[in-house]
PDB file of N, CA and C in Angstrom:
ATOM      1  N   MET A   1     -70.106  37.593-220.697  1.00  0.00           N
ATOM      2  CA  MET A   1     -69.038  36.475-221.567  1.00  0.00           C
ATOM      3  C   MET A   1     -69.412  36.044-222.571  1.00  0.00           C
ATOM      4  N   GLY A   2     -70.802  35.600-222.756  1.00  0.00           N
ATOM      5  CA  GLY A   2     -71.356  34.739-224.060  1.00  0.00           C
ATOM      6  C   GLY A   2     -71.086  35.295-224.980  1.00  0.00           C
ATOM      7  N   ILE A   3     -71.222  36.632-225.539  1.00  0.00           N
ATOM      8  CA  ILE A   3     -70.969  37.327-226.908  1.00  0.00           C
ATOM      9  C   ILE A   3     -69.309  37.631-226.703  1.00  0.00           C
ATOM     10  N   GLN A   4     -68.402  38.161-225.935  1.00  0.00           N
ATOM     11  CA  GLN A   4     -67.088  37.735-226.006  1.00  0.00           C
ATOM     12  C   GLN A   4     -66.647  36.399-226.130  1.00  0.00           C
ATOM     13  N   HIS A   5     -66.596  35.506-225.639  1.00  0.00           N
ATOM     14  CA  HIS A   5     -66.450  34.190-226.510  1.00  0.00           C
ATOM     15  C   HIS A   5     -67.064  33.934-227.609  1.00  0.00           C
ATOM     16  N   LEU A   6     -67.778  34.275-228.023  1.00  0.00           N
ATOM     17  CA  LEU A   6     -68.210  34.377-229.303  1.00  0.00           C
ATOM     18  C   LEU A   6     -66.904  34.807-230.145  1.00  0.00           C
ATOM     19  N   ALA A   7     -66.813  36.100-230.140  1.00  0.00           N
ATOM     20  CA  ALA A   7     -66.224  36.821-230.790  1.00  0.00           C
ATOM     21  C   ALA A   7     -64.933  36.448-230.685  1.00  0.00           C
ATOM     22  N   THR A   8     -64.969  35.507-229.286  1.00  0.00           N
ATOM     23  CA  THR A   8     -63.041  35.017-229.426  1.00  0.00           C
ATOM     24  C   THR A   8     -62.472  33.468-229.953  1.00  0.00           C
ATOM     25  N   LEU A   9     -63.551  32.842-230.406  1.00  0.00           N
ATOM     26  CA  LEU A   9     -63.716  31.401-230.588  1.00  0.00           C
ATOM     27  C   LEU A   9     -62.719  31.472-231.783  1.00  0.00           C
ATOM     28  N   ASN A  10     -62.689  32.191-232.792  1.00  0.00           N
ATOM     29  CA  ASN A  10     -61.584  32.170-233.849  1.00  0.00           C
ATOM     30  C   ASN A  10     -60.760  32.504-233.792  1.00  0.00           C
ATOM     31  N   LYS A  11     -58.818  32.797-233.256  1.00  0.00           N
ATOM     32  CA  LYS A  11     -58.522  33.841-233.141  1.00  0.00           C
ATOM     33  C   LYS A  11     -56.942  33.845-234.189  1.00  0.00           C
ATOM     34  N   THR A  12     -57.567  33.149-235.768  1.00  0.00           N
ATOM     35  CA  THR A  12     -56.853  32.854-236.762  1.00  0.00           C
ATOM     36  C   THR A  12     -57.580  34.438-237.229  1.00  0.00           C
ATOM     37  N   LYS A  13     -55.980  35.281-237.835  1.00  0.00           N
ATOM     38  CA  LYS A  13     -56.057  35.977-238.569  1.00  0.00           C
ATOM     39  C   LYS A  13     -57.298  36.429-240.065  1.00  0.00           C
ATOM     40  N   ALA A  14     -58.621  37.042-239.941  1.00  0.00           N
ATOM     41  CA  ALA A  14     -59.248  37.402-240.687  1.00  0.00           C
ATOM     42  C   ALA A  14     -58.774  38.403-242.242  1.00  0.00           C
ATOM     43  N   SER A  15     -59.195  37.589-243.078  1.00  0.00           N
ATOM     44  CA  SER A  15     -58.935  38.647-244.164  1.00  0.00           C
ATOM     45  C   SER A  15     -59.235  39.569-244.451  1.00  0.00           C
ATOM     46  N   THR A  16     -58.823  41.452-244.778  1.00  0.00           N
ATOM     47  CA  THR A  16     -59.475  42.540-244.239  1.00  0.00           C
ATOM     48  C   THR A  16     -61.185  42.228-245.409  1.00  0.00           C
ATOM     49  N   ILE A  17     -62.207  42.189-245.369  1.00  0.00           N
ATOM     50  CA  ILE A  17     -63.171  42.457-246.482  1.00  0.00           C
ATOM     51  C   ILE A  17     -63.321  43.497-247.379  1.00  0.00           C
ATOM     52  N   LYS A  18     -63.263  43.734-248.640  1.00  0.00           N
ATOM     53  CA  LYS A  18     -62.693  45.055-249.452  1.00  0.00           C
ATOM     54  C   LYS A  18     -64.538  44.747-250.195  1.00  0.00           C
ATOM     55  N   THR A  19     -64.474  46.007-250.461  1.00  0.00           N
ATOM     56  CA  THR A  19     -65.651  45.979-251.757  1.00  0.00           C
ATOM     57  C   THR A  19     -65.499  44.868-252.702  1.00  0.00           C
ATOM     58  N   GLY A  20     -66.240  44.243-253.429  1.00  0.00           N
ATOM     59  CA  GLY A  20     -66.106  43.875-254.223  1.00  0.00           C
ATOM     60  C   GLY A  20     -65.234  41.882-254.119  1.00  0.00           C
ATOM     61  N   GLU A  21     -64.933  42.233-253.010  1.00  0.00           N
ATOM     62  CA  GLU A  21     -64.906  40.582-252.201  1.00  0.00           C
ATOM     63  C   GLU A  21     -65.818  39.902-251.899  1.00  0.00           C
ATOM     64  N   LYS A  22     -65.201  38.270-252.154  1.00  0.00           N
ATOM     65  CA  LYS A  22     -66.261  37.685-252.173  1.00  0.00           C
ATOM     66  C   LYS A  22     -66.734  37.468-250.623  1.00  0.00           C
ATOM     67  N   VAL A  23     -67.734  37.845-250.187  1.00  0.00           N
ATOM     68  CA  VAL A  23     -68.127  37.673-248.406  1.00  0.00           C
ATOM     69  C   VAL A  23     -68.511  36.643-247.298  1.00  0.00           C
ATOM     70  N   SER A  24     -67.362  36.640-246.224  1.00  0.00           N
ATOM     71  CA  SER A  24     -67.405  35.759-245.732  1.00  0.00           C
ATOM     72  C   SER A  24     -67.873  35.860-244.489  1.00  0.00           C
ATOM     73  N   ILE A  25     -67.970  34.409-243.783  1.00  0.00           N
ATOM     74  CA  ILE A  25     -68.182  34.932-242.191  1.00  0.00           C
ATOM     75  C   ILE A  25     -67.169  35.458-241.454  1.00  0.00           C
ATOM     76  N   GLU A  26     -65.750  35.149-242.116  1.00  0.00           N
ATOM     77  CA  GLU A  26     -64.752  35.502-241.609  1.00  0.00           C
ATOM     78  C   GLU A  26     -65.001  36.945-241.334  1.00  0.00           C
ATOM     79  N   VAL A  27     -66.204  38.235-241.648  1.00  0.00           N
ATOM     80  CA  VAL A  27     -66.497  39.113-240.608  1.00  0.00           C
ATOM     81  C   VAL A  27     -66.540  39.389-239.434  1.00  0.00           C
ATOM     82  N   LEU A  28     -66.838  37.927-238.720  1.00  0.00           N
ATOM     83  CA  LEU A  28     -67.732  38.177-237.828  1.00  0.00           C
ATOM     84  C   LEU A  28     -66.364  37.858-236.836  1.00  0.00           C
ATOM     85  N   GLU A  29     -65.258  37.216-236.927  1.00  0.00           N
ATOM     86  CA  GLU A  29     -63.902  37.116-236.331  1.00  0.00           C
ATOM     87  C   GLU A  29     -63.463  38.170-236.047  1.00  0.00           C
ATOM     88  N   HIS A  30     -63.559  39.021-236.360  1.00  0.00           N
ATOM     89  CA  HIS A  30     -62.857  40.447-235.698  1.00  0.00           C
ATOM     90  C   HIS A  30     -63.512  40.734-234.735  1.00  0.00           C
ATOM     91  N   THR A  31     -62.674  41.505-233.580  1.00  0.00           N
ATOM     92  CA  THR A  31     -62.841  41.786-232.067  1.00  0.00           C
ATOM     93  C   THR A  31     -63.904  42.904-232.417  1.00  0.00           C
ATOM     94  N   ARG A  32     -64.683  42.404-231.404  1.00  0.00           N
ATOM     95  CA  ARG A  32     -66.137  43.189-231.188  1.00  0.00           C
ATOM     96  C   ARG A  32     -67.307  43.279-232.188  1.00  0.00           C
ATOM     97  N   THR A  33     -67.073  42.653-232.828  1.00  0.00           N
ATOM     98  CA  THR A  33     -68.328  42.599-234.523  1.00  0.00           C
ATOM     99  C   THR A  33     -69.475  42.128-233.476  1.00  0.00           C
ATOM    100  N   ILE A  34     -69.699  40.695-233.294  1.00  0.00           N
ATOM    101  CA  ILE A  34     -70.448  40.196-232.200  1.00  0.00           C
ATOM    102  C   ILE A  34     -71.611  41.154-231.917  1.00  0.00           C
ATOM    103  N   ARG A  35     -70.585  42.021-230.535  1.00  0.00           N
ATOM    104  CA  ARG A  35     -71.129  42.174-229.524  1.00  0.00           C
ATOM    105  C   ARG A  35     -71.694  44.046-230.451  1.00  0.00           C
ATOM    106  N   PHE A  36     -71.243  43.780-231.461  1.00  0.00           N
ATOM    107  CA  PHE A  36     -72.164  45.157-232.614  1.00  0.00           C
ATOM    108  C   PHE A  36     -73.221  45.072-232.939  1.00  0.00           C
ATOM    109  N   LEU A  37     -73.037  43.565-233.780  1.00  0.00           N
ATOM    110  CA  LEU A  37     -74.336  43.638-234.511  1.00  0.00           C
ATOM    111  C   LEU A  37     -75.658  43.220-233.089  1.00  0.00           C
ATOM    112  N   ILE A  38     -75.042  42.460-232.360  1.00  0.00           N
ATOM    113  CA  ILE A  38     -76.257  42.263-230.969  1.00  0.00           C
ATOM    114  C   ILE A  38     -76.913  43.426-230.431  1.00  0.00           C
ATOM    115  N   PHE A  39     -75.881  44.469-229.880  1.00  0.00           N
ATOM    116  CA  PHE A  39     -75.891  45.741-229.431  1.00  0.00           C
ATOM    117  C   PHE A  39     -76.831  46.618-230.813  1.00  0.00           C
ATOM    118  N   LEU A  40     -76.702  46.987-231.917  1.00  0.00           N
ATOM    119  CA  LEU A  40     -77.281  47.707-233.128  1.00  0.00           C
ATOM    120  C   LEU A  40     -79.128  46.424-232.778  1.00  0.00           C
ATOM    121  N   HIS A  41     -79.156  45.502-233.123  1.00  0.00           N
ATOM    122  CA  HIS A  41     -80.270  44.843-233.067  1.00  0.00           C
ATOM    123  C   HIS A  41     -81.212  44.995-231.690  1.00  0.00           C
ATOM    124  N   LYS A  42     -80.695  45.660-230.866  1.00  0.00           N
ATOM    125  CA  LYS A  42     -81.216  46.039-229.539  1.00  0.00           C
ATOM    126  C   LYS A  42     -81.748  46.893-229.473  1.00  0.00           C
ATOM    127  N   GLU A  43     -80.934  48.035-229.822  1.00  0.00           N
ATOM    128  CA  GLU A  43     -80.800  49.568-229.838  1.00  0.00           C
ATOM    129  C   GLU A  43     -81.858  49.935-231.153  1.00  0.00           C
ATOM    130  N   GLY A  44     -81.322  49.983-232.294  1.00  0.00           N
ATOM    131  CA  GLY A  44     -81.864  49.903-233.527  1.00  0.00           C
ATOM    132  C   GLY A  44     -81.086  51.188-234.665  1.00  0.00           C
ATOM    133  N   SER A  45     -81.424  52.371-234.261  1.00  0.00           N
ATOM    134  CA  SER A  45     -80.709  53.151-235.000  1.00  0.00           C
ATOM    135  C   SER A  45     -79.468  53.843-233.843  1.00  0.00           C
ATOM    136  N   VAL A  46     -78.487  54.257-233.630  1.00  0.00           N
ATOM    137  CA  VAL A  46     -77.416  54.525-232.846  1.00  0.00           C
ATOM    138  C   VAL A  46     -76.723  55.516-233.832  1.00  0.00           C
ATOM    139  N   PRO A  47     -76.511  56.861-232.798  1.00  0.00           N
ATOM    140  CA  PRO A  47     -75.446  57.348-233.022  1.00  0.00           C
ATOM    141  C   PRO A  47     -74.006  57.037-233.337  1.00  0.00           C
ATOM    142  N   ILE A  48     -72.964  57.210-233.718  1.00  0.00           N
ATOM    143  CA  ILE A  48     -71.261  56.351-234.051  1.00  0.00           C
ATOM    144  C   ILE A  48     -71.050  56.929-232.596  1.00  0.00           C
ATOM    145  N   SER A  49     -71.153  57.670-231.796  1.00  0.00           N
ATOM    146  CA  SER A  49     -70.418  58.408-230.807  1.00  0.00           C
ATOM    147  C   SER A  49     -70.999  57.811-229.397  1.00  0.00           C
ATOM    148  N   HIS A  50     -72.425  56.979-229.467  1.00  0.00           N
ATOM    149  CA  HIS A  50     -73.143  56.358-228.850  1.00  0.00           C
ATOM    150  C   HIS A  50     -72.376  54.751-229.022  1.00  0.00           C
ATOM    151  N   ILE A  51     -71.897  54.396-229.709  1.00  0.00           N
ATOM    152  CA  ILE A  51     -71.490  53.010-230.173  1.00  0.00           C
ATOM    153  C   ILE A  51     -69.960  52.946-229.647  1.00  0.00           C
ATOM    154  N   ARG A  52     -69.264  54.239-229.810  1.00  0.00           N
ATOM    155  CA  ARG A  52     -67.773  53.491-228.952  1.00  0.00           C
ATOM    156  C   ARG A  52     -68.522  53.276-227.424  1.00  0.00           C
ATOM    157  N   TRP A  53     -68.560  54.312-226.614  1.00  0.00           N
ATOM    158  CA  TRP A  53     -68.677  53.655-225.350  1.00  0.00           C
ATOM    159  C   TRP A  53     -69.491  52.466-225.139  1.00  0.00           C
ATOM    160  N   GLN A  54     -70.348  52.078-225.523  1.00  0.00           N
ATOM    161  CA  GLN A  54     -71.182  50.726-225.570  1.00  0.00           C
ATOM    162  C   GLN A  54     -70.804  49.757-225.853  1.00  0.00           C
ATOM    163  N   ILE A  55     -70.049  49.857-227.017  1.00  0.00           N
ATOM    164  CA  ILE A  55     -69.016  48.180-227.061  1.00  0.00           C
ATOM    165  C   ILE A  55     -67.869  48.298-226.576  1.00  0.00           C
ATOM    166  N   LYS A  56     -67.071  49.308-225.941  1.00  0.00           N
ATOM    167  CA  LYS A  56     -66.151  49.357-225.246  1.00  0.00           C
ATOM    168  C   LYS A  56     -64.969  49.271-225.950  1.00  0.00           C
ATOM    169  N   GLY A  57     -64.833  50.038-227.076  1.00  0.00           N
ATOM    170  CA  GLY A  57     -63.877  50.054-228.168  1.00  0.00           C
ATOM    171  C   GLY A  57     -62.843  51.152-228.576  1.00  0.00           C
ATOM    172  N   GLY A  58     -62.046  51.126-228.959  1.00  0.00           N
ATOM    173  CA  GLY A  58     -61.146  52.344-229.225  1.00  0.00           C
ATOM    174  C   GLY A  58     -62.268  52.964-230.553  1.00  0.00           C
ATOM    175  N   GLN A  59     -61.379  54.098-231.357  1.00  0.00           N
ATOM    176  CA  GLN A  59     -61.971  54.709-232.153  1.00  0.00           C
ATOM    177  C   GLN A  59     -61.690  53.862-233.040  1.00  0.00           C
ATOM    178  N   LYS A  60     -60.501  53.414-233.655  1.00  0.00           N
ATOM    179  CA  LYS A  60     -59.654  52.309-234.668  1.00  0.00           C
ATOM    180  C   LYS A  60     -60.669  51.651-234.556  1.00  0.00           C
ATOM    181  N   THR A  61     -61.339  50.861-234.231  1.00  0.00           N
ATOM    182  CA  THR A  61     -61.959  49.475-233.460  1.00  0.00           C
ATOM    183  C   THR A  61     -62.979  49.462-234.360  1.00  0.00           C
ATOM    184  N   ILE A  62     -63.497  50.530-233.253  1.00  0.00           N
ATOM    185  CA  ILE A  62     -65.184  50.152-233.889  1.00  0.00           C
ATOM    186  C   ILE A  62     -65.185  51.097-234.947  1.00  0.00           C
ATOM    187  N   TYR A  63     -64.605  52.048-236.050  1.00  0.00           N
ATOM    188  CA  TYR A  63     -64.286  52.485-237.433  1.00  0.00           C
ATOM    189  C   TYR A  63     -64.177  51.633-238.071  1.00  0.00           C
ATOM    190  N   GLY A  64     -62.965  50.262-237.926  1.00  0.00           N
ATOM    191  CA  GLY A  64     -62.951  49.255-238.705  1.00  0.00           C
ATOM    192  C   GLY A  64     -63.908  47.953-238.812  1.00  0.00           C
ATOM    193  N   ILE A  65     -64.810  48.272-237.493  1.00  0.00           N
ATOM    194  CA  ILE A  65     -65.957  46.977-237.596  1.00  0.00           C
ATOM    195  C   ILE A  65     -66.808  47.677-238.167  1.00  0.00           C
ATOM    196  N   ILE A  66     -67.769  49.326-238.418  1.00  0.00           N
ATOM    197  CA  ILE A  66     -68.160  49.849-239.569  1.00  0.00           C
ATOM    198  C   ILE A  66     -67.761  49.794-240.824  1.00  0.00           C
ATOM    199  N   LYS A  67     -66.469  50.139-241.141  1.00  0.00           N
ATOM    200  CA  LYS A  67     -66.062  49.643-242.503  1.00  0.00           C
ATOM    201  C   LYS A  67     -66.595  48.146-242.854  1.00  0.00           C
ATOM    202  N   ARG A  68     -65.769  47.442-242.353  1.00  0.00           N
ATOM    203  CA  ARG A  68     -65.870  45.952-242.852  1.00  0.00           C
ATOM    204  C   ARG A  68     -67.808  45.724-242.948  1.00  0.00           C
ATOM    205  N   LEU A  69     -68.860  45.874-241.675  1.00  0.00           N
ATOM    206  CA  LEU A  69     -70.011  46.242-241.932  1.00  0.00           C
ATOM    207  C   LEU A  69     -70.940  46.277-243.243  1.00  0.00           C
ATOM    208  N   LYS A  70     -70.531  47.582-243.510  1.00  0.00           N
ATOM    209  CA  LYS A  70     -70.892  48.338-244.490  1.00  0.00           C
ATOM    210  C   LYS A  70     -70.692  47.731-245.518  1.00  0.00           C
ATOM    211  N   ASP A  71     -69.082  46.947-245.442  1.00  0.00           N
ATOM    212  CA  ASP A  71     -68.956  47.015-246.795  1.00  0.00           C
ATOM    213  C   ASP A  71     -69.569  44.922-247.154  1.00  0.00           C
ATOM    214  N   THR A  72     -69.828  44.741-246.120  1.00  0.00           N
ATOM    215  CA  THR A  72     -70.774  43.382-246.364  1.00  0.00           C
ATOM    216  C   THR A  72     -72.384  43.601-246.396  1.00  0.00           C
ATOM    217  N   ASN A  73     -72.708  44.511-246.644  1.00  0.00           N
ATOM    218  CA  ASN A  73     -74.379  45.003-246.102  1.00  0.00           C
ATOM    219  C   ASN A  73     -74.855  44.543-245.364  1.00  0.00           C
ATOM    220  N   LEU A  74     -74.354  44.543-244.036  1.00  0.00           N
ATOM    221  CA  LEU A  74     -74.816  44.460-242.523  1.00  0.00           C
ATOM    222  C   LEU A  74     -75.323  45.431-241.962  1.00  0.00           C
ATOM    223  N   ILE A  75     -74.748  46.739-242.173  1.00  0.00           N
ATOM    224  CA  ILE A  75     -74.950  47.822-241.737  1.00  0.00           C
ATOM    225  C   ILE A  75     -75.281  48.647-242.982  1.00  0.00           C
ATOM    226  N   GLN A  76     -75.706  50.105-241.949  1.00  0.00           N
ATOM    227  CA  GLN A  76     -75.983  51.313-243.422  1.00  0.00           C
ATOM    228  C   GLN A  76     -75.817  51.886-242.343  1.00  0.00           C
ATOM    229  N   GLU A  77     -75.398  53.742-243.066  1.00  0.00           N
ATOM    230  CA  GLU A  77     -74.874  54.962-241.770  1.00  0.00           C
ATOM    231  C   GLU A  77     -75.996  56.010-242.640  1.00  0.00           C
ATOM    232  N   GLU A  78     -76.431  57.084-241.809  1.00  0.00           N
ATOM    233  CA  GLU A  78     -77.157  57.916-242.308  1.00  0.00           C
ATOM    234  C   GLU A  78     -76.716  58.867-241.332  1.00  0.00           C
ATOM    235  N   THR A  79     -76.817  60.338-241.867  1.00  0.00           N
ATOM    236  CA  THR A  79     -76.978  61.055-241.299  1.00  0.00           C
ATOM    237  C   THR A  79     -78.500  62.103-241.115  1.00  0.00           C
ATOM    238  N   GLN A  80     -78.636  62.366-239.673  1.00  0.00           N
ATOM    239  CA  GLN A  80     -79.485  62.591-239.160  1.00  0.00           C
ATOM    240  C   GLN A  80     -80.452  64.185-239.997  1.00  0.00           C
ATOM    241  N   LYS A  81     -81.453  64.386-240.435  1.00  0.00           N
ATOM    242  CA  LYS A  81     -81.463  65.502-241.099  1.00  0.00           C
ATOM    243  C   LYS A  81     -81.720  66.557-240.313  1.00  0.00           C
ATOM    244  N   ASP A  82     -82.416  66.208-239.011  1.00  0.00           N
ATOM    245  CA  ASP A  82     -82.852  67.375-238.100  1.00  0.00           C
ATOM    246  C   ASP A  82     -81.514  67.418-237.188  1.00  0.00           C
ATOM    247  N   PHE A  83     -80.699  68.851-236.678  1.00  0.00           N
ATOM    248  CA  PHE A  83     -80.142  69.347-235.710  1.00  0.00           C
ATOM    249  C   PHE A  83     -79.749  68.220-234.596  1.00  0.00           C
ATOM    250  N   PRO A  84     -79.004  67.638-234.027  1.00  0.00           N
ATOM    251  CA  PRO A  84     -77.678  67.476-234.228  1.00  0.00           C
ATOM    252  C   PRO A  84     -77.771  66.469-235.457  1.00  0.00           C
ATOM    253  N   TRP A  85     -76.649  67.447-236.654  1.00  0.00           N
ATOM    254  CA  TRP A  85     -76.653  66.130-237.248  1.00  0.00           C
ATOM    255  C   TRP A  85     -75.617  65.404-237.121  1.00  0.00           C
ATOM    256  N   ARG A  86     -75.793  64.089-236.914  1.00  0.00           N
ATOM    257  CA  ARG A  86     -75.087  63.078-236.080  1.00  0.00           C
ATOM    258  C   ARG A  86     -75.089  61.987-237.484  1.00  0.00           C
ATOM    259  N   ARG A  87     -73.978  61.012-237.581  1.00  0.00           N
ATOM    260  CA  ARG A  87     -74.250  60.249-238.372  1.00  0.00           C
ATOM    261  C   ARG A  87     -74.581  58.946-237.395  1.00  0.00           C
ATOM    262  N   VAL A  88     -75.552  58.369-238.079  1.00  0.00           N
ATOM    263  CA  VAL A  88     -76.374  56.992-236.801  1.00  0.00           C
ATOM    264  C   VAL A  88     -75.886  55.996-238.221  1.00  0.00           C
ATOM    265  N   ILE A  89     -75.834  54.788-237.126  1.00  0.00           N
ATOM    266  CA  ILE A  89     -75.436  53.466-237.634  1.00  0.00           C
ATOM    267  C   ILE A  89     -76.841  52.377-237.586  1.00  0.00           C
ATOM    268  N   LYS A  90     -77.028  51.800-238.435  1.00  0.00           N
ATOM    269  CA  LYS A  90     -79.049  50.959-238.017  1.00  0.00           C
ATOM    270  C   LYS A  90     -78.780  50.078-239.270  1.00  0.00           C
ATOM    271  N   LEU A  91     -78.936  48.629-238.426  1.00  0.00           N
ATOM    272  CA  LEU A  91     -78.507  47.306-239.133  1.00  0.00           C
ATOM    273  C   LEU A  91     -79.643  47.518-240.291  1.00  0.00           C
ATOM    274  N   THR A  92     -79.105  46.557-241.569  1.00  0.00           N
ATOM    275  CA  THR A  92     -80.290  46.361-243.109  1.00  0.00           C
ATOM    276  C   THR A  92     -80.536  45.613-242.571  1.00  0.00           C
ATOM    277  N   GLU A  93     -81.692  44.640-243.757  1.00  0.00           N
ATOM    278  CA  GLU A  93     -82.314  44.004-243.698  1.00  0.00           C
ATOM    279  C   GLU A  93     -81.650  42.609-243.208  1.00  0.00           C
ATOM    280  N   LYS A  94     -80.503  42.486-243.828  1.00  0.00           N
ATOM    281  CA  LYS A  94     -79.702  41.326-243.797  1.00  0.00           C
ATOM    282  C   LYS A  94     -79.050  41.270-242.453  1.00  0.00           C
ATOM    283  N   GLY A  95     -78.395  42.266-241.985  1.00  0.00           N
ATOM    284  CA  GLY A  95     -77.712  42.389-240.589  1.00  0.00           C
ATOM    285  C   GLY A  95     -78.984  42.289-239.659  1.00  0.00           C
ATOM    286  N   VAL A  96     -80.159  42.393-239.822  1.00  0.00           N
ATOM    287  CA  VAL A  96     -81.522  42.007-238.890  1.00  0.00           C
ATOM    288  C   VAL A  96     -80.846  40.682-238.992  1.00  0.00           C
ATOM    289  N   GLN A  97     -81.248  39.463-239.940  1.00  0.00           N
ATOM    290  CA  GLN A  97     -81.245  38.734-239.528  1.00  0.00           C
ATOM    291  C   GLN A  97     -79.815  38.126-238.666  1.00  0.00           C
ATOM    292  N   VAL A  98     -78.899  38.128-239.087  1.00  0.00           N
ATOM    293  CA  VAL A  98     -77.424  38.069-238.557  1.00  0.00           C
ATOM    294  C   VAL A  98     -77.711  38.518-237.604  1.00  0.00           C
ATOM    295  N   ALA A  99     -78.070  39.540-236.856  1.00  0.00           N
ATOM    296  CA  ALA A  99     -78.201  39.580-235.382  1.00  0.00           C
ATOM    297  C   ALA A  99     -78.900  38.457-234.512  1.00  0.00           C
ATOM    298  N   THR A 100     -80.103  38.522-235.291  1.00  0.00           N
ATOM    299  CA  THR A 100     -81.185  37.433-234.876  1.00  0.00           C
ATOM    300  C   THR A 100     -80.616  36.249-234.572  1.00  0.00           C
ATOM    301  N   LYS A 101     -79.521  35.449-235.369  1.00  0.00           N
ATOM    302  CA  LYS A 101     -79.511  34.279-234.886  1.00  0.00           C
ATOM    303  C   LYS A 101     -78.419  34.494-234.374  1.00  0.00           C
ATOM    304  N   LEU A 102     -77.727  35.525-234.135  1.00  0.00           N
ATOM    305  CA  LEU A 102     -76.610  35.228-233.402  1.00  0.00           C
ATOM    306  C   LEU A 102     -76.599  35.732-231.551  1.00  0.00           C
ATOM    307  N   GLU A 103     -78.002  36.690-231.794  1.00  0.00           N
ATOM    308  CA  GLU A 103     -78.791  36.616-230.447  1.00  0.00           C
ATOM    309  C   GLU A 103     -79.286  34.808-230.111  1.00  0.00           C
ATOM    310  N   GLU A 104     -80.048  33.806-230.898  1.00  0.00           N
ATOM    311  CA  GLU A 104     -80.029  33.186-230.867  1.00  0.00           C
ATOM    312  C   GLU A 104     -78.830  32.177-229.901  1.00  0.00           C
ATOM    313  N   ILE A 105     -77.759  32.334-230.399  1.00  0.00           N
ATOM    314  CA  ILE A 105     -76.274  31.533-230.281  1.00  0.00           C
ATOM    315  C   ILE A 105     -75.843  31.861-228.718  1.00  0.00           C
ATOM    316  N   GLN A 106     -76.211  33.041-228.695  1.00  0.00           N
ATOM    317  CA  GLN A 106     -75.717  33.620-227.694  1.00  0.00           C
ATOM    318  C   GLN A 106     -76.515  33.437-226.477  1.00  0.00           C
ATOM    319  N   GLU A 107     -77.605  33.415-226.713  1.00  0.00           N
ATOM    320  CA  GLU A 107     -78.411  32.606-225.758  1.00  0.00           C
ATOM    321  C   GLU A 107     -78.589  30.934-225.396  1.00  0.00           C
ATOM    322  N   ILE A 108     -78.339  30.482-226.189  1.00  0.00           N
ATOM    323  CA  ILE A 108     -77.359  28.874-226.132  1.00  0.00           C
ATOM    324  C   ILE A 108     -76.392  28.762-225.449  1.00  0.00           C
ATOM    325  N   ILE A 109     -75.193  29.698-225.487  1.00  0.00           N
ATOM    326  CA  ILE A 109     -73.936  29.375-224.874  1.00  0.00           C
ATOM    327  C   ILE A 109     -74.608  29.666-223.505  1.00  0.00           C
ATOM    328  N   GLU A 110     -75.181  30.677-222.945  1.00  0.00           N
ATOM    329  CA  GLU A 110     -75.719  31.021-221.791  1.00  0.00           C
ATOM    330  C   GLU A 110     -76.667  30.463-220.856  1.00  0.00           C
ATOM    331  N   ARG A 111     -77.326  29.515-221.156  1.00  0.00           N
ATOM    332  CA  ARG A 111     -78.032  28.340-220.766  1.00  0.00           C
ATOM    333  C   ARG A 111     -77.148  28.146-219.319  1.00  0.00           C
ATOM    334  N   LYS A 112     -77.540  28.006-218.270  1.00  0.00           N
ATOM    335  CA  LYS A 112     -76.966  27.521-217.193  1.00  0.00           C
ATOM    336  C   LYS A 112     -77.378  25.959-217.555  1.00  0.00           C
ATOM    337  N   ASN A 113     -78.460  25.611-218.211  1.00  0.00           N
ATOM    338  CA  ASN A 113     -78.731  23.833-218.108  1.00  0.00           C
ATOM    339  C   ASN A 113     -78.681  23.367-219.488  1.00  0.00           C
ATOM    340  N   ASN A 114     -78.987  22.042-220.142  1.00  0.00           N
ATOM    341  CA  ASN A 114     -78.241  21.817-221.036  1.00  0.00           C
ATOM    342  C   ASN A 114     -79.965  22.795-222.052  1.00  0.00           C
TER     343      ASN A 114
END
């Protein structure tokens, strides 16, 4: 509930972040983005196909999140060099910093006592 609550706090339409535009916190307002970052922080390097099932999002949603997070330099995509040649996503250093803060916020929200 905590992650989902964070992701839906602001339901205003966020503008699409494109390469070269000013990077903004609005990238976190898109559906499942916060859940995606926290998942990557816990798992490390993850194949794209695995992400879809863990985040419970459609292909269009997942690829939209990946594009926005790559454009804001929060994640990077690599192709495994060994068979099977899968596309793998992992956090950048900046992404690790953001995900760490998001996990801290999640813990505060989910605490039962003040």
